[in-house]
Protein backbone atom coordinates (compact mmCIF):
# COMPACT_ATOMS: atom_id res chain seq x y z
CA MET A 1 0.00 0.00 0.00
CA LYS A 2 1.20 3.46 -0.82
CA PHE A 3 0.50 4.98 2.58
CA SER A 4 2.43 2.23 4.38
CA TYR A 5 5.50 2.84 2.22
CA ILE A 6 5.33 6.61 2.68
CA SER A 7 4.72 6.43 6.41
CA LEU A 8 7.56 3.95 6.80
CA ILE A 9 9.92 6.33 4.98
CA ALA A 10 8.75 9.26 7.12
CA VAL A 11 9.28 7.39 10.36
CA MET A 12 12.68 6.15 9.14
CA LEU A 13 13.69 9.74 8.35
CA VAL A 14 12.79 10.87 11.85
CA VAL A 15 14.56 7.93 13.45
CA THR A 16 17.61 8.64 11.29
CA ALA A 17 17.58 12.31 12.30
CA VAL A 18 17.32 11.41 15.97
CA ALA A 19 20.12 8.83 15.65
CA ILE A 20 22.34 11.25 13.77
CA ALA A 21 21.79 13.87 16.44
CA GLY A 22 23.22 11.32 18.85
CA CYS A 23 20.06 10.78 20.81
CA SER A 24 19.60 7.67 22.86
CA GLY A 25 17.41 6.34 25.61
CA SER A 26 20.20 6.96 28.10
CA ASN A 27 20.81 9.83 30.46
CA PRO A 28 21.86 13.20 29.06
CA ALA A 29 25.49 13.69 28.15
CA THR A 30 26.09 15.83 31.20
CA THR A 31 28.87 13.94 32.94
CA SER A 32 30.71 14.48 36.17
CA ALA A 33 33.20 17.31 36.37
CA GLY A 34 36.11 14.88 36.35
CA SER A 35 35.21 13.28 33.02
CA THR A 36 37.39 13.54 29.97
CA PRO A 37 35.87 15.52 27.11
CA ALA A 38 35.36 13.69 23.84
CA SER A 39 38.50 13.83 21.78
CA GLY A 40 38.03 15.20 18.32
CA THR A 41 40.41 16.01 15.56
CA SER A 42 40.62 19.75 15.25
CA SER A 43 39.77 20.99 11.81
CA PRO A 44 39.71 24.46 10.34
CA ALA A 45 36.46 26.34 10.82
CA SER A 46 34.87 28.06 7.85
CA SER A 47 36.35 31.36 9.01
CA GLY A 48 39.88 29.96 8.87
CA SER A 49 40.23 29.66 12.66
CA SER A 50 40.95 26.37 14.36
CA ALA A 51 38.09 24.38 15.79
CA VAL A 52 38.17 23.38 19.42
CA ALA A 53 37.41 19.90 20.72
CA VAL A 54 34.66 19.94 23.33
CA GLY A 55 32.65 17.25 25.03
CA GLY A 56 28.93 16.81 24.51
CA ALA A 57 28.36 17.93 28.08
CA ASP A 58 30.19 21.20 27.38
CA LEU A 59 27.97 21.97 24.43
CA PHE A 60 24.61 20.59 25.50
CA GLY A 61 24.82 20.91 29.28
CA ASN A 62 22.24 23.01 31.16
CA LEU A 63 20.16 23.95 28.13
CA ASN A 64 17.32 26.32 28.94
CA TYR A 65 14.03 25.49 27.23
CA ASN A 66 10.69 23.89 28.06
CA TRP A 67 9.97 22.38 24.64
CA VAL A 68 11.33 22.43 21.11
CA GLU A 69 9.84 21.54 17.74
CA TYR A 70 11.99 20.65 14.73
CA LYS A 71 10.96 20.56 11.08
CA MET A 72 12.20 18.21 8.36
CA SER A 73 11.05 18.12 4.74
CA THR A 74 11.31 15.32 2.23
CA GLY A 75 10.19 14.58 -1.33
CA SER A 76 8.52 16.84 -3.84
CA GLY A 77 5.19 17.09 -5.64
CA ASP A 78 2.78 14.34 -4.58
CA GLN A 79 5.59 12.76 -2.52
CA ALA A 80 6.25 15.94 -0.47
CA MET A 81 6.02 15.61 3.28
CA THR A 82 6.92 17.82 6.21
CA ILE A 83 7.67 16.11 9.50
CA TYR A 84 7.41 18.01 12.79
CA TYR A 85 9.20 16.48 15.78
CA LYS A 86 8.30 18.01 19.16
CA TYR A 87 10.09 17.22 22.42
CA ASP A 88 8.85 18.44 25.81
CA LYS A 89 11.82 18.63 28.17
CA GLN A 90 9.60 19.04 31.23
CA THR A 91 7.63 15.82 30.69
CA GLY A 92 10.11 13.86 28.53
CA LYS A 93 7.40 13.26 25.93
CA CYS A 94 7.77 13.56 22.20
CA SER A 95 5.36 13.63 19.29
CA MET A 96 5.53 13.66 15.50
CA ARG A 97 3.07 15.03 13.00
CA PHE A 98 3.15 14.67 9.24
CA GLU A 99 1.84 17.21 6.73
CA GLY A 100 1.88 17.60 2.96
CA ALA A 101 0.68 15.71 -0.11
CA ALA A 102 2.25 12.39 0.90
CA ALA A 103 0.92 12.67 4.46
CA ALA A 104 -2.61 13.06 3.09
CA ASN A 105 -2.33 9.47 1.84
CA MET A 106 -1.58 8.19 5.33
CA PRO A 107 -4.38 7.00 7.64
CA ALA A 108 -5.54 9.76 9.98
CA ASN A 109 -4.31 7.88 13.05
CA MET A 110 -0.75 7.86 11.63
CA GLN A 111 -0.57 11.60 10.90
CA ASN A 112 0.04 12.37 14.59
CA ILE A 113 2.18 9.93 16.55
CA ASP A 114 3.18 9.76 20.21
CA CYS A 115 6.87 8.82 19.99
CA SER A 116 7.50 8.86 23.73
CA SER A 117 9.48 5.87 24.92
CA LYS A 118 7.76 3.09 26.78
CA GLY A 119 8.96 0.81 29.53
CA GLY A 120 10.72 3.35 31.71
CA GLN A 121 13.25 4.54 29.13
CA SER A 122 13.53 8.25 28.45
CA ALA A 123 12.24 9.65 25.18
CA SER A 124 14.64 10.73 22.45
CA ASN A 125 15.85 14.21 23.26
CA PRO A 126 17.15 15.97 20.11
CA ASN A 127 19.33 18.20 22.30
CA GLN A 128 21.36 15.33 23.70
CA VAL A 129 24.64 13.99 22.31
CA SER A 130 25.65 10.34 22.71
CA SER A 131 28.50 9.72 25.13
CA ASP A 132 30.77 8.24 22.43
CA ALA A 133 30.42 11.23 20.08
CA GLN A 134 33.43 13.31 19.11
CA VAL A 135 32.46 16.99 19.10
CA SER A 136 34.55 19.71 17.48
CA CYS A 137 33.31 23.31 17.41
CA SER A 138 34.27 26.59 15.79
CA PRO A 139 35.39 29.27 18.23
CA LEU A 140 33.27 31.85 16.37
CA GLU A 141 29.50 32.14 16.37
CA GLU A 142 27.42 32.45 13.21
CA SER A 143 24.04 34.03 12.55
CA VAL A 144 21.60 31.26 11.64
CA THR A 145 18.04 31.93 10.45
CA VAL A 146 15.43 29.16 10.81
CA PRO A 147 11.61 29.23 10.99
CA ALA A 148 11.78 29.93 14.76
CA GLY A 149 13.92 33.06 14.24
CA THR A 150 17.53 34.21 13.90
CA PHE A 151 20.06 32.93 16.42
CA SER A 152 23.74 33.44 17.20
CA ALA A 153 24.96 29.84 17.09
CA THR A 154 28.11 27.79 17.44
CA LYS A 155 28.82 25.47 14.50
CA CYS A 156 29.97 22.00 15.54
CA THR A 157 30.79 18.71 13.87
CA VAL A 158 29.54 15.69 15.80
CA THR A 159 30.80 12.24 14.81
CA SER A 160 29.59 8.97 16.31
CA ALA A 161 31.67 5.99 15.20
CA SER A 162 29.32 3.48 16.85
CA GLN A 163 26.34 4.86 14.91
CA GLY A 164 28.28 5.60 11.71
CA THR A 165 26.97 9.16 11.60
CA THR A 166 28.43 12.62 11.12
CA SER A 167 26.44 15.80 11.60
CA THR A 168 26.96 19.52 11.51
CA MET A 169 24.97 21.24 14.24
CA TRP A 170 24.43 24.89 15.02
CA VAL A 171 23.75 25.35 18.73
CA ASP A 172 22.61 28.48 20.51
CA LYS A 173 24.75 27.86 23.60
CA GLY A 174 22.75 27.49 26.76
CA LYS A 175 19.50 27.19 24.77
CA PHE A 176 19.14 24.48 22.09
CA MET A 177 20.19 23.19 18.70
CA VAL A 178 18.80 25.43 15.95
CA LYS A 179 19.88 23.50 12.85
CA MET A 180 21.37 20.16 11.89
CA GLU A 181 22.63 18.68 8.62
CA ALA A 182 23.69 15.07 8.86
CA SER A 183 24.71 12.00 6.93
CA SER A 184 25.25 8.34 7.74
CA SER A 185 27.85 5.88 6.52
CA GLN A 186 25.01 4.10 4.68
CA GLY A 187 24.54 7.17 2.48
CA GLY A 188 21.37 8.68 4.02
CA SER A 189 21.17 12.38 4.81
CA VAL A 190 18.77 14.65 6.65
CA SER A 191 18.34 18.32 7.48
CA MET A 192 16.43 19.53 10.53
CA VAL A 193 15.65 23.11 11.62
CA LEU A 194 14.12 24.61 14.74
CA ASN A 195 10.50 25.43 13.95
CA ALA A 196 9.30 26.65 17.37
CA TYR A 197 10.25 26.60 21.05
CA GLY A 198 8.95 27.60 24.44
């Protein structure tokens, strides 16, 4: 059936985006003060300055938001779909909704999905980096415009060898990730932008 194929692709895209972001059902990457930051190979930033290796806890620790909603788009024409992924930090719940021509072919009960984890595991937090990730950030901030507004963000490369993923993230330090472009070793890619927050 067409809707099953489309909905499967949409869910796979969201799962890929969450995996690429380094999300897991584990505790946040805020580690004890004595932990060693993730080692990353320094590479030149786009401005010509050296990047600095930082740990996931340094970048994503103590973020200040109640909820965030990210937007991803896929396909074109009658295969176009926009996926909205919302995570509530206060409750740990997440939800996905699908819009667009392809989403119209999905059953109504699949157009809005509760993606909160079951069985006592925490839901996938898009502002959490896996503990094995190598994070390397530019020392300079960039102006990044997304549907939720314009932010002064730090550009970072996050690589997870265990997940076979590499992503470029722009993070408004102390707040949340505002944009992500990622790829996997299997050849998939995804782009996600901050749509709204509160």
